[in-house]
Amino acid sequence: MRRWALMLALLLSVGVNAGLAGAILLRRFQPAPAPPPAPALQPAFPGAGLRLMAERLGLDAAKRQQFLEFHRQFFEQNRPRRERLLELRAVLQEELLAPESNRPRLDQALAETQQLVQQLDQSMVELVLEVKPLLTAGQLAEYLRFVQRLRNPAPGPPRPLPRRWRNGV
């Protein structure tokens, strides 16, 4: 009887080992999972957030429609600039991490980045000037806080607004 028990244990052990080896081989030859999609650029028009902002500002229907239309145009006009800016930042990072950096390429990418940032800033100022007549002084102060968060998404505590904006003036 002992001999049969030993033979049964040996057979079970071989079966478990064969099962484990089969599972490992099966896993090894399965196709690799698809990589996660690259983080995409923000949607062309973040409508939900702007609708919420328009609601928070207490804009009536006509002003809300104008507010949203100004922002829709802003995002449509600046999407290519924002996409190019992401590409240029990738070029800068690539060149800075390369063993031998290509200085002319770095300088060109940096100059184009500065130009695009200036164009985006100018476009943001034009947007605020378009929206400004729709808002009261208090609404304008809240809107400028919103714009400041959009413009400077830096980590850490937000910087305070200039004193002249805090009182809605």
Protein backbone atom coordinates (compact mmCIF):
# COMPACT_ATOMS: atom_id res chain seq x y z
CA MET A 1 0.00 0.00 0.00
CA ARG A 2 2.84 2.34 0.69
CA ARG A 3 4.23 1.67 -2.70
CA TRP A 4 0.97 2.74 -4.35
CA ALA A 5 0.77 5.91 -2.24
CA LEU A 6 4.32 6.84 -3.23
CA MET A 7 3.53 6.21 -6.90
CA LEU A 8 0.33 8.29 -6.64
CA ALA A 9 2.19 11.19 -4.95
CA LEU A 10 4.87 11.08 -7.62
CA LEU A 11 2.25 11.08 -10.38
CA LEU A 12 0.38 14.02 -8.81
CA SER A 13 3.64 15.94 -8.42
CA VAL A 14 4.51 15.42 -12.09
CA GLY A 15 0.97 16.52 -13.05
CA VAL A 16 1.19 19.74 -11.02
CA ASN A 17 4.61 20.54 -12.45
CA ALA A 18 3.40 19.91 -16.01
CA GLY A 19 0.39 22.15 -15.38
CA LEU A 20 2.57 24.97 -14.08
CA ALA A 21 4.99 24.65 -16.99
CA GLY A 22 2.06 24.70 -19.44
CA ALA A 23 0.62 27.84 -17.83
CA ILE A 24 4.00 29.59 -18.02
CA LEU A 25 4.45 28.64 -21.67
CA LEU A 26 0.93 29.69 -22.54
CA ARG A 27 1.45 33.07 -20.92
CA ARG A 28 4.78 33.57 -22.64
CA PHE A 29 3.37 32.97 -26.12
CA GLN A 30 0.26 35.11 -25.70
CA PRO A 31 0.35 38.41 -27.60
CA ALA A 32 1.44 41.36 -25.50
CA PRO A 33 -1.37 43.61 -24.31
CA ALA A 34 -1.84 46.77 -26.32
CA PRO A 35 0.04 49.71 -24.84
CA PRO A 36 -2.13 52.34 -23.20
CA PRO A 37 -3.06 55.15 -25.56
CA ALA A 38 -0.78 58.17 -25.48
CA PRO A 39 -2.18 61.04 -23.48
CA ALA A 40 -4.10 63.12 -25.95
CA LEU A 41 -4.32 66.84 -26.08
CA GLN A 42 -7.24 68.30 -24.24
CA PRO A 43 -10.43 68.33 -26.28
CA ALA A 44 -10.71 71.15 -28.79
CA PHE A 45 -13.42 72.81 -26.75
CA PRO A 46 -13.86 72.00 -23.05
CA GLY A 47 -17.56 72.85 -23.19
CA ALA A 48 -18.64 71.31 -19.89
CA GLY A 49 -16.13 73.29 -17.83
CA LEU A 50 -16.96 76.53 -19.59
CA ARG A 51 -20.69 75.94 -19.24
CA LEU A 52 -20.12 75.44 -15.53
CA MET A 53 -18.06 78.65 -15.42
CA ALA A 54 -20.81 80.57 -17.25
CA GLU A 55 -23.33 79.20 -14.77
CA ARG A 56 -21.10 80.13 -11.83
CA LEU A 57 -20.79 83.65 -13.21
CA GLY A 58 -24.60 83.86 -13.40
CA LEU A 59 -24.76 84.86 -17.06
CA ASP A 60 -28.17 85.07 -18.70
CA ALA A 61 -28.89 82.95 -21.79
CA ALA A 62 -27.80 85.50 -24.41
CA LYS A 63 -24.56 86.42 -22.62
CA ARG A 64 -23.87 82.76 -21.87
CA GLN A 65 -24.18 81.93 -25.57
CA GLN A 66 -21.76 84.74 -26.50
CA PHE A 67 -19.39 83.67 -23.71
CA LEU A 68 -19.32 80.09 -24.98
CA GLU A 69 -18.98 81.18 -28.60
CA PHE A 70 -15.96 83.40 -27.81
CA HIS A 71 -14.30 80.49 -26.04
CA ARG A 72 -15.16 78.00 -28.79
CA GLN A 73 -13.49 80.29 -31.35
CA PHE A 74 -10.50 80.75 -29.05
CA PHE A 75 -9.96 77.01 -28.71
CA GLU A 76 -10.46 76.36 -32.42
CA GLN A 77 -7.96 79.06 -33.40
CA ASN A 78 -5.34 77.96 -30.88
CA ARG A 79 -5.53 74.19 -31.17
CA PRO A 80 -2.79 73.99 -33.88
CA ARG A 81 -0.56 76.25 -31.79
CA ARG A 82 -1.05 74.12 -28.68
CA GLU A 83 -0.35 70.93 -30.66
CA ARG A 84 2.81 72.42 -32.15
CA LEU A 85 3.90 73.59 -28.70
CA LEU A 86 3.62 70.00 -27.40
CA GLU A 87 5.70 68.79 -30.35
CA LEU A 88 8.35 71.44 -29.71
CA ARG A 89 8.56 70.57 -26.03
CA ALA A 90 9.10 66.93 -27.01
CA VAL A 91 11.91 68.04 -29.37
CA LEU A 92 13.49 70.09 -26.60
CA GLN A 93 13.33 67.17 -24.18
CA GLU A 94 14.72 64.78 -26.80
CA GLU A 95 17.64 67.09 -27.58
CA LEU A 96 18.41 67.77 -23.93
CA LEU A 97 18.46 64.05 -23.14
CA ALA A 98 20.55 63.13 -26.19
CA PRO A 99 24.23 62.27 -25.57
CA GLU A 100 25.21 64.95 -28.09
CA SER A 101 22.71 67.80 -28.21
CA ASN A 102 22.20 69.57 -31.53
CA ARG A 103 22.56 73.21 -30.46
CA PRO A 104 21.07 74.78 -33.64
CA ARG A 105 18.03 72.50 -33.38
CA LEU A 106 17.65 73.40 -29.69
CA ASP A 107 17.88 77.10 -30.43
CA GLN A 108 15.34 76.84 -33.26
CA ALA A 109 12.87 74.86 -31.14
CA LEU A 110 13.29 77.27 -28.24
CA ALA A 111 12.73 80.31 -30.48
CA GLU A 112 9.63 78.76 -32.01
CA THR A 113 8.36 77.83 -28.53
CA GLN A 114 8.78 81.40 -27.34
CA GLN A 115 6.96 82.70 -30.40
CA LEU A 116 4.05 80.28 -29.89
CA VAL A 117 3.76 81.09 -26.18
CA GLN A 118 3.65 84.79 -27.04
CA GLN A 119 0.94 84.16 -29.65
CA LEU A 120 -1.09 82.10 -27.16
CA ASP A 121 -0.75 84.84 -24.53
CA GLN A 122 -1.82 87.46 -27.04
CA SER A 123 -4.81 85.34 -28.03
CA MET A 124 -5.75 84.91 -24.35
CA VAL A 125 -5.65 88.68 -23.84
CA GLU A 126 -7.88 89.17 -26.89
CA LEU A 127 -10.31 86.61 -25.48
CA VAL A 128 -10.50 88.39 -22.13
CA LEU A 129 -11.08 91.71 -23.89
CA GLU A 130 -13.93 90.15 -25.90
CA VAL A 131 -15.54 88.62 -22.79
CA LYS A 132 -15.04 91.67 -20.56
CA PRO A 133 -18.11 93.65 -21.79
CA LEU A 134 -20.34 90.70 -20.88
CA LEU A 135 -19.30 90.71 -17.22
CA THR A 136 -19.81 92.89 -14.16
CA ALA A 137 -16.80 93.85 -12.04
CA GLY A 138 -17.35 90.94 -9.61
CA GLN A 139 -17.87 88.48 -12.44
CA LEU A 140 -14.74 89.77 -14.15
CA ALA A 141 -12.65 89.19 -11.01
CA GLU A 142 -13.90 85.58 -10.78
CA TYR A 143 -13.35 85.05 -14.50
CA LEU A 144 -9.78 86.36 -14.24
CA ARG A 145 -9.09 83.88 -11.42
CA PHE A 146 -10.38 81.15 -13.74
CA VAL A 147 -8.18 82.37 -16.60
CA GLN A 148 -5.17 82.58 -14.29
CA ARG A 149 -5.63 78.92 -13.32
CA LEU A 150 -5.87 78.00 -17.01
CA ARG A 151 -2.79 80.00 -17.90
CA ASN A 152 -0.60 78.94 -14.96
CA PRO A 153 -1.34 75.34 -14.06
CA ALA A 154 1.85 75.25 -11.98
CA PRO A 155 1.98 72.91 -8.98
CA GLY A 156 1.72 74.33 -5.54
CA PRO A 157 -0.62 76.86 -4.01
CA PRO A 158 -2.15 79.38 -6.40
CA ARG A 159 -0.63 82.81 -6.43
CA PRO A 160 -2.89 85.57 -5.15
CA LEU A 161 -4.45 87.96 -7.62
CA PRO A 162 -3.22 91.54 -7.73
CA ARG A 163 -4.98 93.72 -5.18
CA ARG A 164 -6.88 95.73 -7.81
CA TRP A 165 -8.60 92.52 -9.01
CA ARG A 166 -9.56 91.21 -5.57
CA ASN A 167 -12.16 93.88 -4.93
CA GLY A 168 -13.74 93.53 -8.36
CA VAL A 169 -12.23 96.75 -9.64
